[in-house]
């Protein structure tokens, strides 16, 4: 009888500590690798950084297009751009322009 009480006195705390260790291990593994764990947080931060870089690139491109569109507005047309587009469309050359013929693609 004394041996069973002594065995029980030893095994119950060991079992409780083991069960506690399993529960703590479960929560720690989910804190590290779960859907909202540390690994997911790192991945979200990486995605945020990539999207921020992409956003900055798109903002710069948008600003460039805004600048180019502003040059073509009717209230203030840039004369150089108008002349360049007119020459390109009409195929005309100014008398002071220098023309360099590169030759046909097949002739070397």
N, C-alpha and C. Protein backbone atom coordinates (compact mmCIF):
# COMPACT_ATOMS: atom_id res chain seq x y z
N UNK A 1 0.81 -1.19 0.00
CA UNK A 1 0.00 0.00 0.00
C UNK A 1 0.86 1.26 0.00
N UNK A 2 1.91 1.23 0.78
CA UNK A 2 2.79 2.39 0.85
C UNK A 2 3.49 2.59 -0.47
N UNK A 3 3.84 1.50 -1.15
CA UNK A 3 4.51 1.60 -2.43
C UNK A 3 3.60 2.25 -3.47
N UNK A 4 2.30 1.91 -3.46
CA UNK A 4 1.37 2.52 -4.42
C UNK A 4 1.20 4.00 -4.15
N UNK A 5 1.10 4.38 -2.92
CA UNK A 5 0.98 5.81 -2.60
C UNK A 5 2.24 6.57 -3.03
N UNK A 6 3.37 5.93 -2.78
CA UNK A 6 4.63 6.57 -3.15
C UNK A 6 4.75 6.66 -4.68
N UNK A 7 4.38 5.59 -5.38
CA UNK A 7 4.41 5.58 -6.85
C UNK A 7 3.43 6.60 -7.40
N UNK A 8 2.26 6.66 -6.80
CA UNK A 8 1.26 7.64 -7.22
C UNK A 8 1.76 9.06 -6.94
N UNK A 9 2.41 9.28 -5.84
CA UNK A 9 2.94 10.60 -5.49
C UNK A 9 4.02 11.04 -6.47
N UNK A 10 4.70 10.10 -7.09
CA UNK A 10 5.74 10.44 -8.07
C UNK A 10 5.15 10.55 -9.48
N UNK A 11 4.28 9.62 -9.87
CA UNK A 11 3.77 9.57 -11.23
C UNK A 11 2.77 10.70 -11.55
N UNK A 12 1.95 11.09 -10.60
CA UNK A 12 0.97 12.15 -10.87
C UNK A 12 1.67 13.47 -11.20
N UNK A 13 2.63 13.95 -10.42
CA UNK A 13 3.33 15.19 -10.83
C UNK A 13 4.09 15.05 -12.14
N UNK A 14 4.71 13.86 -12.37
CA UNK A 14 5.43 13.66 -13.63
C UNK A 14 4.46 13.73 -14.80
N UNK A 15 3.31 13.08 -14.67
CA UNK A 15 2.29 13.13 -15.72
C UNK A 15 1.79 14.56 -15.93
N UNK A 16 1.54 15.30 -14.86
CA UNK A 16 1.06 16.68 -14.99
C UNK A 16 2.12 17.57 -15.65
N UNK A 17 3.38 17.39 -15.27
CA UNK A 17 4.45 18.17 -15.91
C UNK A 17 4.58 17.81 -17.39
N UNK A 18 4.45 16.53 -17.70
CA UNK A 18 4.53 16.10 -19.10
C UNK A 18 3.37 16.66 -19.91
N UNK A 19 2.16 16.60 -19.35
CA UNK A 19 0.99 17.16 -20.03
C UNK A 19 1.15 18.66 -20.22
N UNK A 20 1.66 19.34 -19.20
CA UNK A 20 1.89 20.79 -19.31
C UNK A 20 2.92 21.09 -20.39
N UNK A 21 3.97 20.28 -20.45
CA UNK A 21 5.02 20.48 -21.46
C UNK A 21 4.46 20.27 -22.86
N UNK A 22 3.58 19.30 -23.04
CA UNK A 22 2.97 19.06 -24.35
C UNK A 22 2.09 20.24 -24.75
N UNK A 23 1.30 20.76 -23.82
CA UNK A 23 0.42 21.90 -24.11
C UNK A 23 1.26 23.14 -24.44
N UNK A 24 2.29 23.40 -23.66
CA UNK A 24 3.15 24.56 -23.92
C UNK A 24 3.86 24.39 -25.26
N UNK A 25 4.33 23.19 -25.56
CA UNK A 25 4.97 22.93 -26.86
C UNK A 25 4.02 23.17 -28.02
N UNK A 26 2.77 22.75 -27.84
CA UNK A 26 1.75 22.97 -28.88
C UNK A 26 1.57 24.47 -29.15
N UNK A 27 1.42 25.24 -28.09
CA UNK A 27 1.21 26.68 -28.27
C UNK A 27 2.46 27.37 -28.81
N UNK A 28 3.63 26.92 -28.39
CA UNK A 28 4.87 27.52 -28.91
C UNK A 28 5.05 27.21 -30.39
N UNK A 29 4.72 26.00 -30.80
CA UNK A 29 4.87 25.67 -32.23
C UNK A 29 3.89 26.49 -33.07
N UNK A 30 2.68 26.71 -32.56
CA UNK A 30 1.73 27.54 -33.31
C UNK A 30 2.11 29.02 -33.26
N UNK A 31 2.76 29.44 -32.18
CA UNK A 31 3.22 30.83 -32.12
C UNK A 31 4.34 31.07 -33.13
N UNK A 32 5.11 30.04 -33.43
CA UNK A 32 6.19 30.18 -34.39
C UNK A 32 5.71 29.98 -35.83
N UNK A 33 4.94 28.92 -36.09
CA UNK A 33 4.62 28.53 -37.45
C UNK A 33 3.16 28.64 -37.82
N UNK A 34 2.32 29.11 -36.94
CA UNK A 34 0.88 29.17 -37.20
C UNK A 34 0.51 30.25 -38.21
N UNK A 35 -0.78 30.35 -38.48
CA UNK A 35 -1.28 31.32 -39.46
C UNK A 35 -0.97 32.76 -39.05
N UNK A 36 -0.86 33.00 -37.75
CA UNK A 36 -0.52 34.34 -37.26
C UNK A 36 0.76 34.33 -36.44
N UNK A 37 1.62 33.37 -36.73
CA UNK A 37 2.85 33.21 -35.97
C UNK A 37 3.97 34.11 -36.47
N UNK A 38 5.14 33.87 -35.93
CA UNK A 38 6.30 34.71 -36.27
C UNK A 38 6.72 34.55 -37.72
N UNK A 39 6.66 33.33 -38.24
CA UNK A 39 7.01 33.12 -39.65
C UNK A 39 6.03 33.85 -40.57
N UNK A 40 4.75 33.80 -40.25
CA UNK A 40 3.75 34.50 -41.05
C UNK A 40 3.98 36.01 -40.97
N UNK A 41 4.37 36.50 -39.81
CA UNK A 41 4.64 37.93 -39.64
C UNK A 41 5.81 38.35 -40.53
N UNK A 42 6.87 37.53 -40.56
CA UNK A 42 8.02 37.84 -41.43
C UNK A 42 7.60 37.86 -42.90
N UNK A 43 6.78 36.90 -43.29
CA UNK A 43 6.31 36.84 -44.68
C UNK A 43 5.46 38.06 -45.02
N UNK A 44 4.60 38.47 -44.10
CA UNK A 44 3.78 39.66 -44.33
C UNK A 44 4.65 40.91 -44.45
N UNK A 45 5.68 41.01 -43.63
CA UNK A 45 6.57 42.17 -43.71
C UNK A 45 7.31 42.19 -45.05
N UNK A 46 7.73 41.00 -45.53
CA UNK A 46 8.41 40.93 -46.82
C UNK A 46 7.46 41.34 -47.95
N UNK A 47 6.22 40.89 -47.88
CA UNK A 47 5.24 41.26 -48.90
C UNK A 47 4.95 42.76 -48.85
N UNK A 48 4.86 43.31 -47.65
CA UNK A 48 4.62 44.76 -47.51
C UNK A 48 5.77 45.54 -48.13
N UNK A 49 7.01 45.09 -47.88
CA UNK A 49 8.16 45.78 -48.47
C UNK A 49 8.12 45.73 -49.99
N UNK A 50 7.82 44.54 -50.55
CA UNK A 50 7.75 44.41 -52.01
C UNK A 50 6.65 45.30 -52.59
N UNK A 51 5.50 45.32 -51.95
CA UNK A 51 4.39 46.13 -52.45
C UNK A 51 4.69 47.62 -52.31
N UNK A 52 5.43 48.00 -51.27
CA UNK A 52 5.82 49.40 -51.10
C UNK A 52 6.76 49.83 -52.22
N UNK A 53 7.72 48.97 -52.55
CA UNK A 53 8.64 49.28 -53.66
C UNK A 53 7.87 49.39 -54.97
N UNK A 54 6.94 48.46 -55.19
CA UNK A 54 6.12 48.50 -56.40
C UNK A 54 5.26 49.76 -56.44
N UNK A 55 4.72 50.15 -55.29
CA UNK A 55 3.90 51.36 -55.22
C UNK A 55 4.73 52.60 -55.56
N UNK A 56 5.95 52.68 -55.04
CA UNK A 56 6.81 53.82 -55.33
C UNK A 56 7.14 53.89 -56.83
N UNK A 57 7.39 52.73 -57.43
CA UNK A 57 7.68 52.68 -58.86
C UNK A 57 6.47 53.16 -59.67
N UNK A 58 5.30 52.69 -59.29
CA UNK A 58 4.09 53.10 -60.00
C UNK A 58 3.78 54.58 -59.79
N UNK A 59 4.07 55.10 -58.60
CA UNK A 59 3.87 56.54 -58.36
C UNK A 59 4.79 57.37 -59.25
N UNK A 60 6.04 56.92 -59.39
CA UNK A 60 6.98 57.65 -60.24
C UNK A 60 6.53 57.60 -61.70
N UNK A 61 6.06 56.44 -62.14
CA UNK A 61 5.56 56.32 -63.51
C UNK A 61 4.31 57.20 -63.71
N UNK A 62 3.45 57.23 -62.71
CA UNK A 62 2.25 58.07 -62.79
C UNK A 62 2.62 59.55 -62.88
N UNK A 63 3.61 59.96 -62.09
CA UNK A 63 4.06 61.35 -62.12
C UNK A 63 4.64 61.70 -63.48
N UNK A 64 5.40 60.77 -64.08
CA UNK A 64 5.97 61.00 -65.41
C UNK A 64 4.86 61.16 -66.45
N UNK A 65 3.83 60.31 -66.38
CA UNK A 65 2.72 60.44 -67.32
C UNK A 65 1.95 61.74 -67.09
N UNK A 66 1.78 62.13 -65.84
CA UNK A 66 1.12 63.41 -65.56
C UNK A 66 1.91 64.57 -66.15
N UNK A 67 3.24 64.50 -66.02
CA UNK A 67 4.08 65.57 -66.58
C UNK A 67 3.95 65.62 -68.10
N UNK A 68 3.97 64.45 -68.74
CA UNK A 68 3.86 64.41 -70.20
C UNK A 68 2.49 64.88 -70.68
N UNK A 69 1.46 64.54 -69.95
CA UNK A 69 0.11 64.97 -70.33
C UNK A 69 -0.04 66.47 -70.14
N UNK A 70 0.58 67.00 -69.07
CA UNK A 70 0.50 68.44 -68.83
C UNK A 70 1.15 69.23 -69.97
N UNK A 71 2.18 68.66 -70.61
CA UNK A 71 2.83 69.34 -71.72
C UNK A 71 1.94 69.42 -72.95
N UNK A 72 0.96 68.56 -73.05
CA UNK A 72 0.11 68.52 -74.24
C UNK A 72 -1.24 69.20 -74.04
N UNK A 73 -1.45 69.84 -72.90
CA UNK A 73 -2.71 70.54 -72.68
C UNK A 73 -2.80 71.76 -73.58
N UNK A 74 -4.01 72.10 -73.95
CA UNK A 74 -4.24 73.18 -74.92
C UNK A 74 -3.81 74.55 -74.40
N UNK A 75 -3.90 74.80 -73.12
CA UNK A 75 -3.56 76.13 -72.60
C UNK A 75 -2.06 76.39 -72.60
N UNK A 76 -1.25 75.37 -72.62
CA UNK A 76 0.21 75.58 -72.66
C UNK A 76 0.90 74.41 -73.36
N UNK A 77 0.89 74.43 -74.65
CA UNK A 77 1.51 73.39 -75.45
C UNK A 77 2.99 73.73 -75.61
N UNK A 78 3.85 72.76 -75.37
CA UNK A 78 5.28 72.94 -75.56
C UNK A 78 5.57 72.91 -77.05
N UNK A 79 6.19 73.98 -77.56
CA UNK A 79 6.43 74.11 -79.00
C UNK A 79 7.35 73.01 -79.53
N UNK A 80 8.35 72.62 -78.76
CA UNK A 80 9.28 71.58 -79.22
C UNK A 80 8.58 70.24 -79.39
N UNK A 81 7.73 69.89 -78.43
CA UNK A 81 7.02 68.62 -78.53
C UNK A 81 6.03 68.66 -79.68
N UNK A 82 5.35 69.79 -79.86
CA UNK A 82 4.39 69.92 -80.96
C UNK A 82 5.10 69.78 -82.31
N UNK A 83 6.26 70.45 -82.44
CA UNK A 83 7.01 70.37 -83.69
C UNK A 83 7.52 68.95 -83.94
N UNK A 84 8.02 68.31 -82.91
CA UNK A 84 8.53 66.95 -83.06
C UNK A 84 7.43 65.98 -83.48
N UNK A 85 6.29 66.07 -82.85
CA UNK A 85 5.17 65.19 -83.20
C UNK A 85 4.65 65.48 -84.61
N UNK A 86 4.62 66.77 -85.00
CA UNK A 86 4.15 67.13 -86.35
C UNK A 86 5.11 66.59 -87.41
N UNK A 87 6.41 66.72 -87.18
CA UNK A 87 7.39 66.20 -88.14
C UNK A 87 7.31 64.68 -88.25
N UNK A 88 7.13 64.03 -87.11
CA UNK A 88 7.04 62.58 -87.11
C UNK A 88 5.78 62.13 -87.86
N UNK A 89 4.68 62.82 -87.65
CA UNK A 89 3.42 62.44 -88.29
C UNK A 89 3.43 62.74 -89.78
N UNK A 90 3.94 63.92 -90.13
CA UNK A 90 3.91 64.33 -91.54
C UNK A 90 5.11 63.80 -92.32
N UNK A 91 6.15 63.38 -91.65
CA UNK A 91 7.34 62.89 -92.35
C UNK A 91 8.15 64.02 -92.97
N UNK A 92 8.14 65.20 -92.39
CA UNK A 92 8.86 66.36 -92.93
C UNK A 92 10.15 66.59 -92.15
N UNK A 93 11.09 67.28 -92.81
CA UNK A 93 12.38 67.59 -92.21
C UNK A 93 12.64 69.08 -92.37
N UNK A 94 13.18 69.70 -91.35
CA UNK A 94 13.55 71.12 -91.42
C UNK A 94 14.82 71.26 -92.26
N UNK A 95 14.98 72.41 -92.91
CA UNK A 95 16.13 72.59 -93.80
C UNK A 95 17.46 72.60 -93.05
N UNK A 96 17.46 72.91 -91.77
CA UNK A 96 18.70 72.95 -90.99
C UNK A 96 18.99 71.63 -90.26
N UNK A 97 18.11 70.66 -90.42
CA UNK A 97 18.32 69.36 -89.77
C UNK A 97 19.38 68.56 -90.52
N UNK A 98 20.16 67.80 -89.78
CA UNK A 98 21.16 66.92 -90.36
C UNK A 98 20.56 65.51 -90.39
N UNK A 99 20.61 64.89 -91.56
CA UNK A 99 20.04 63.55 -91.72
C UNK A 99 21.18 62.58 -91.96
N UNK A 100 21.17 61.48 -91.24
CA UNK A 100 22.18 60.44 -91.37
C UNK A 100 21.48 59.20 -91.88
N UNK A 101 21.88 58.73 -93.06
CA UNK A 101 21.31 57.53 -93.62
C UNK A 101 22.13 56.33 -93.15
N UNK A 102 21.46 55.38 -92.58
CA UNK A 102 22.15 54.22 -92.05
C UNK A 102 22.26 53.10 -93.05
N UNK A 103 21.59 53.17 -94.14
CA UNK A 103 21.64 52.13 -95.15
C UNK A 103 20.54 51.10 -94.92
N UNK A 104 20.38 50.24 -95.88
CA UNK A 104 19.34 49.23 -95.77
C UNK A 104 19.83 48.11 -94.82
N UNK A 105 18.93 47.41 -94.19
CA UNK A 105 19.34 46.38 -93.23
C UNK A 105 20.09 45.23 -93.88
N UNK A 106 19.86 44.93 -95.18
CA UNK A 106 20.53 43.81 -95.83
C UNK A 106 21.91 44.15 -96.37
N UNK A 107 22.22 45.42 -96.61
CA UNK A 107 23.49 45.80 -97.24
C UNK A 107 24.55 46.08 -96.15
N UNK A 108 25.72 45.44 -96.34
CA UNK A 108 26.83 45.69 -95.41
C UNK A 108 28.07 46.07 -96.16
